[in-house]
Amino acid sequence: MTAARPSILYVTDLGYEAKGRRYCDEDIRLSGCLREDFDIALCHPLDAARLMGSFDAVVVRNSGPVLHYQREYDAFRALARQSGTRLYNPPTGRADMAGKQYLVELSAGGFPVIPTVDRGEDLGRLPRADEYVVKPKLGADSIGMEFVGRDRLGELGYGDVLVQPRIQFRYEVSFYFVDRDFQYALYAPRPERRWELERYEPGPGDLEFAQRFVDWNTLDHGIQRVDACRAPDGELLLVELEDLNPYLSLDLVAEGVRAAFVARMKASLRDFLGG
C-alpha cells in the first residue's frame, strides 16, 4: 500500500498585478511542479487561516504585500503559532518578514548595506547626497517610498520610516537561495527597468557577500532573495533581504537551472516535513 503523500496549502494571490512580474504564471507553474511529489491546493491569502488546519504544511509564495491585509496576516501567523502549523518560510525570519528595521541594525553593525537610519539625531551617519530615499518600515513593492532633498529631512515623522542616501548605482542584482544554498542570480543592467532581468554570473566575492546575509538570517528552511546594488566604486551593497514571499523570476532562467531549483525546493520541503 502506497504511503500518503504530504499535503501542502500553497498560498498565492493569483490576481495581484505586480509591475513587471506575473505572479499567477510563476505560481501556477511552480505549484504544478510540486504536485509531482505533494498533494497541493492553492488558496488566496485571506483564506489561508480558515483552511490551513487540513494540511501538513503551508507554503507562502506570491501572496502580495501583506500591508494590504495586515490584520488578517497577523491573525494567520498567530493561529499558525498557536496550532503548531508548519509555515514555509518559517515565520522566524529576521529580515523583510519582520519589517525593515534590520537595515538600520545591519548598517549600524558595519554590514555592507546602503547606509540607513531611522532617527533624526542619526542623520549625520549618512553620507551627503543630492537626494534621500524615505521608506516605510512596513513598506513593500516600493509602496510609500519617496525621494526628498536634505532640506526636508528635518520634517519627517521618524519612528515609522527609514532614510537612506539615493545612490546612483550601476545595476541591481538578486541572489536566490533555498535553505541557505545558492541557486542562481539575475540582474537588471538598466537601473530604470528593475524587472527586466538577465542571467548574472557572480564575480569574486559576490557569493560570499550574499551568503553572509542569508547566514545572518538563521532560517534553516525556506527561500530567500538577496537584493543588492553595485555602487559607483564597485562595492555591492544590500538593498533588502526578502524572506517572506520573494518573487523568483523562474521564467527568466534556463530550463536546467529551473529544474535544479524545483528539485532543491522539493528536498527542502521534505526535510521540513520530517522526511
Protein backbone atom coordinates (compact mmCIF):
# COMPACT_ATOMS: atom_id res chain seq x y z
CA MET A 1 0.00 0.00 0.00
CA THR A 2 1.41 3.40 -1.00
CA ALA A 3 2.04 5.83 1.84
CA ALA A 4 0.01 9.02 1.82
CA ARG A 5 1.75 11.98 0.22
CA PRO A 6 2.29 15.13 2.28
CA SER A 7 -0.36 17.78 1.71
CA ILE A 8 0.51 21.43 1.17
CA LEU A 9 -1.64 24.54 1.17
CA TYR A 10 0.03 26.85 -1.34
CA VAL A 11 -0.83 30.50 -0.58
CA THR A 12 -0.82 32.87 -3.54
CA ASP A 13 -2.74 35.87 -4.84
CA LEU A 14 -3.16 34.93 -8.49
CA GLY A 15 -4.96 38.18 -9.21
CA TYR A 16 -2.34 40.56 -7.83
CA GLU A 17 -0.93 42.85 -10.51
CA ALA A 18 2.75 43.48 -9.87
CA LYS A 19 4.72 45.82 -12.08
CA GLY A 20 6.96 43.80 -14.40
CA ARG A 21 6.02 40.44 -12.85
CA ARG A 22 3.45 37.74 -13.46
CA TYR A 23 2.68 36.28 -10.04
CA CYS A 24 -0.01 33.99 -11.42
CA ASP A 25 2.18 32.41 -14.10
CA GLU A 26 5.03 31.68 -11.68
CA ASP A 27 2.80 30.13 -9.05
CA ILE A 28 0.75 28.06 -11.48
CA ARG A 29 3.93 26.54 -12.89
CA LEU A 30 5.78 26.10 -9.60
CA SER A 31 2.80 24.57 -7.81
CA GLY A 32 2.37 22.25 -10.78
CA CYS A 33 5.94 21.01 -10.35
CA LEU A 34 5.45 20.49 -6.61
CA ARG A 35 2.31 18.48 -7.34
CA GLU A 36 4.58 15.71 -8.66
CA ASP A 37 5.64 14.99 -5.06
CA PHE A 38 2.96 16.55 -2.85
CA ASP A 39 -0.79 16.96 -2.73
CA ILE A 40 -1.28 20.67 -3.47
CA ALA A 41 -4.18 23.07 -3.04
CA LEU A 42 -3.92 26.77 -3.92
CA CYS A 43 -5.68 29.46 -1.90
CA HIS A 44 -5.83 33.22 -1.55
CA PRO A 45 -4.00 34.73 1.49
CA LEU A 46 -7.30 35.75 3.07
CA ASP A 47 -8.48 32.11 3.06
CA ALA A 48 -5.30 30.58 4.49
CA ALA A 49 -6.20 30.79 8.20
CA ARG A 50 -9.53 29.05 7.64
CA LEU A 51 -8.10 26.23 5.50
CA MET A 52 -4.63 25.50 6.85
CA GLY A 53 -5.69 23.05 9.57
CA SER A 54 -6.35 20.38 6.95
CA PHE A 55 -2.78 20.36 5.56
CA ASP A 56 0.63 19.15 6.65
CA ALA A 57 2.24 22.49 5.82
CA VAL A 58 1.50 25.93 4.39
CA VAL A 59 3.78 27.34 1.69
CA VAL A 60 3.50 31.13 1.37
CA ARG A 61 4.55 32.20 -2.10
CA ASN A 62 3.49 35.20 -4.21
CA SER A 63 0.89 36.43 -1.75
CA GLY A 64 1.39 40.15 -2.42
CA PRO A 65 2.39 42.88 0.06
CA VAL A 66 0.90 41.91 3.43
CA LEU A 67 0.35 45.55 4.36
CA HIS A 68 -2.77 45.34 2.16
CA TYR A 69 -4.22 42.82 4.66
CA GLN A 70 -2.01 43.30 7.73
CA ARG A 71 -4.66 42.49 10.34
CA GLU A 72 -5.62 39.23 8.64
CA TYR A 73 -1.98 38.30 8.11
CA ASP A 74 -1.14 38.87 11.78
CA ALA A 75 -4.11 36.71 12.78
CA PHE A 76 -2.98 33.99 10.37
CA ARG A 77 0.50 33.90 11.88
CA ALA A 78 -0.85 33.89 15.42
CA LEU A 79 -3.18 31.00 14.65
CA ALA A 80 -0.38 29.03 12.97
CA ARG A 81 1.82 29.54 16.01
CA GLN A 82 -0.96 28.51 18.38
CA SER A 83 -1.90 25.40 16.38
CA GLY A 84 1.64 24.34 15.52
CA THR A 85 1.02 24.58 11.79
CA ARG A 86 4.22 24.41 9.74
CA LEU A 87 4.74 27.60 7.72
CA TYR A 88 7.25 27.74 4.87
CA ASN A 89 9.06 30.06 5.07
CA PRO A 90 9.02 29.69 8.87
CA PRO A 91 7.84 32.97 10.49
CA THR A 92 11.12 33.38 12.38
CA GLY A 93 12.95 35.39 9.71
CA ARG A 94 14.81 38.50 10.86
CA ALA A 95 14.59 40.37 7.55
CA ASP A 96 11.68 41.72 5.48
CA MET A 97 9.03 39.49 7.07
CA ALA A 98 9.67 41.40 10.29
CA GLY A 99 9.78 44.84 8.65
CA LYS A 100 12.81 46.83 7.52
CA GLN A 101 14.28 47.67 10.90
CA TYR A 102 17.01 45.14 10.16
CA LEU A 103 18.51 47.55 7.62
CA VAL A 104 19.13 50.06 10.42
CA GLU A 105 20.69 47.37 12.60
CA LEU A 106 22.89 45.97 9.83
CA SER A 107 24.02 49.46 8.84
CA ALA A 108 24.95 50.30 12.43
CA GLY A 109 26.75 46.95 12.68
CA GLY A 110 29.04 47.71 9.76
CA PHE A 111 27.50 45.31 7.25
CA PRO A 112 27.75 46.23 3.55
CA VAL A 113 24.29 47.77 3.21
CA ILE A 114 23.09 51.09 1.90
CA PRO A 115 23.61 53.42 4.91
CA THR A 116 20.31 53.53 6.80
CA VAL A 117 18.98 55.41 9.83
CA ASP A 118 15.57 55.82 11.43
CA ARG A 119 16.17 58.76 13.82
CA GLY A 120 16.72 62.42 13.12
CA GLU A 121 19.68 62.53 15.51
CA ASP A 122 21.44 59.87 13.43
CA LEU A 123 21.30 61.71 10.10
CA GLY A 124 24.97 62.58 10.49
CA ARG A 125 25.78 58.93 9.90
CA LEU A 126 24.58 59.22 6.30
CA PRO A 127 26.86 60.43 3.51
CA ARG A 128 25.81 63.69 1.90
CA ALA A 129 23.64 63.21 -1.17
CA ASP A 130 21.57 65.29 -3.55
CA GLU A 131 18.50 63.25 -2.61
CA TYR A 132 17.49 60.78 0.07
CA VAL A 133 15.17 57.80 -0.06
CA VAL A 134 12.45 57.61 2.60
CA LYS A 135 10.83 54.18 3.04
CA PRO A 136 8.12 52.97 5.43
CA LYS A 137 9.45 50.30 7.77
CA LEU A 138 6.50 48.12 6.87
CA GLY A 139 6.58 49.02 3.19
CA ALA A 140 6.79 46.62 0.27
CA ASP A 141 6.92 46.82 -3.51
CA SER A 142 8.04 50.49 -3.27
CA ILE A 143 4.69 51.43 -1.70
CA GLY A 144 5.02 54.71 0.21
CA MET A 145 8.62 55.32 -0.89
CA GLU A 146 9.60 58.90 -1.74
CA PHE A 147 12.66 60.94 -2.62
CA VAL A 148 13.40 64.10 -0.65
CA GLY A 149 16.10 66.74 -0.53
CA ARG A 150 18.31 67.23 2.52
CA ASP A 151 16.34 70.33 3.48
CA ARG A 152 13.27 68.18 4.10
CA LEU A 153 14.88 65.56 6.33
CA GLY A 154 14.01 67.52 9.47
CA GLU A 155 10.31 67.42 8.58
CA LEU A 156 9.97 63.64 8.52
CA GLY A 157 7.92 61.71 11.05
CA TYR A 158 10.65 59.45 12.38
CA GLY A 159 9.78 56.17 14.00
CA ASP A 160 7.94 54.53 11.13
CA VAL A 161 10.32 55.36 8.28
CA LEU A 162 13.89 54.70 7.17
CA VAL A 163 16.19 57.20 5.49
CA GLN A 164 18.95 56.31 3.02
CA PRO A 165 21.06 58.32 0.58
CA ARG A 166 19.89 57.91 -3.00
CA ILE A 167 22.73 56.07 -4.71
CA GLN A 168 23.28 56.26 -8.45
CA PHE A 169 24.21 52.59 -8.65
CA ARG A 170 25.41 50.77 -11.77
CA TYR A 171 22.84 47.96 -11.58
CA GLU A 172 20.79 45.81 -9.21
CA VAL A 173 21.42 42.11 -8.76
CA SER A 174 19.47 39.40 -6.94
CA PHE A 175 20.80 36.15 -5.49
CA TYR A 176 18.32 33.33 -4.89
CA PHE A 177 18.74 30.73 -2.11
CA VAL A 178 16.96 27.65 -0.79
CA ASP A 179 17.90 26.60 2.76
CA ARG A 180 21.00 28.84 2.63
CA ASP A 181 22.15 27.13 -0.58
CA PHE A 182 22.75 29.41 -3.57
CA GLN A 183 20.70 28.56 -6.68
CA TYR A 184 21.11 31.32 -9.29
CA ALA A 185 21.49 35.07 -9.78
CA LEU A 186 19.81 37.62 -12.05
CA TYR A 187 20.50 41.29 -12.59
CA ALA A 188 18.89 44.39 -14.05
CA PRO A 189 21.59 46.02 -16.23
CA ARG A 190 19.37 49.10 -16.71
CA PRO A 191 18.57 50.62 -13.29
CA GLU A 192 15.39 52.27 -14.55
CA ARG A 193 14.00 48.84 -15.56
CA ARG A 194 14.12 46.87 -12.33
CA TRP A 195 12.31 43.77 -13.56
CA GLU A 196 13.98 43.38 -16.96
CA LEU A 197 16.38 40.79 -15.63
CA GLU A 198 19.18 38.84 -17.25
CA ARG A 199 21.44 35.99 -16.19
CA TYR A 200 24.21 37.05 -13.84
CA GLU A 201 27.47 35.22 -13.26
CA PRO A 202 28.64 36.07 -9.72
CA GLY A 203 32.10 37.60 -9.63
CA PRO A 204 34.80 37.21 -6.99
CA GLY A 205 33.33 37.88 -3.58
CA ASP A 206 29.72 38.17 -4.80
CA LEU A 207 28.54 34.87 -3.35
CA GLU A 208 30.37 35.50 -0.08
CA PHE A 209 28.55 38.83 0.10
CA ALA A 210 25.12 37.24 -0.41
CA GLN A 211 25.82 34.22 1.78
CA ARG A 212 26.74 36.49 4.68
CA PHE A 213 23.21 37.87 4.83
CA VAL A 214 21.50 34.51 4.36
CA ASP A 215 23.55 33.06 7.21
CA TRP A 216 22.80 36.11 9.38
CA ASN A 217 19.09 35.43 8.95
CA THR A 218 19.34 31.96 10.58
CA LEU A 219 16.46 30.44 8.57
CA ASP A 220 17.23 26.73 8.23
CA HIS A 221 14.43 26.19 5.71
CA GLY A 222 12.86 28.36 3.06
CA ILE A 223 13.50 30.59 0.08
CA GLN A 224 15.38 33.88 0.32
CA ARG A 225 16.34 36.55 -2.20
CA VAL A 226 19.25 38.86 -1.53
CA ASP A 227 18.80 42.12 -3.45
CA ALA A 228 21.90 44.27 -3.86
CA CYS A 229 23.17 47.18 -5.92
CA ARG A 230 26.60 47.77 -7.42
CA ALA A 231 27.77 51.15 -6.13
CA PRO A 232 29.81 53.51 -8.33
CA ASP A 233 33.01 52.37 -6.58
CA GLY A 234 32.27 48.73 -7.43
CA GLU A 235 31.13 47.66 -3.94
CA LEU A 236 28.00 45.57 -3.53
CA LEU A 237 25.51 46.99 -1.02
CA LEU A 238 22.44 45.24 0.33
CA VAL A 239 19.12 46.75 -0.78
CA GLU A 240 16.89 44.23 1.00
CA LEU A 241 16.76 40.64 2.18
CA GLU A 242 13.42 39.22 1.12
CA ASP A 243 12.49 36.25 3.31
CA LEU A 244 8.68 36.24 3.23
CA ASN A 245 7.45 35.74 -0.32
CA PRO A 246 10.23 36.62 -2.78
CA TYR A 247 9.31 36.60 -6.44
CA LEU A 248 11.67 34.17 -8.17
CA SER A 249 11.63 35.19 -11.87
CA LEU A 250 11.80 31.49 -12.74
CA ASP A 251 10.62 32.20 -16.28
CA LEU A 252 13.90 34.01 -16.94
CA VAL A 253 16.33 31.22 -16.02
CA ALA A 254 17.45 28.30 -18.17
CA GLU A 255 15.41 25.11 -18.02
CA GLY A 256 18.19 23.22 -16.22
CA VAL A 257 18.51 25.95 -13.59
CA ARG A 258 14.75 25.98 -13.07
CA ALA A 259 14.65 22.18 -12.72
CA ALA A 260 17.50 22.27 -10.20
CA PHE A 261 15.69 24.93 -8.17
CA VAL A 262 12.47 22.90 -8.10
CA ALA A 263 14.36 19.77 -7.05
CA ARG A 264 16.09 21.68 -4.25
CA MET A 265 12.79 23.15 -3.06
CA LYS A 266 11.18 19.70 -3.02
CA ALA A 267 14.07 18.35 -0.95
CA SER A 268 13.76 21.32 1.39
CA LEU A 269 10.05 20.72 1.89
CA ARG A 270 10.54 17.00 2.52
CA ASP A 271 13.19 17.78 5.14
CA PHE A 272 10.98 20.50 6.62
CA LEU A 273 8.17 17.97 6.99
CA GLY A 274 10.45 15.50 8.70
CA GLY A 275 11.47 13.33 5.78
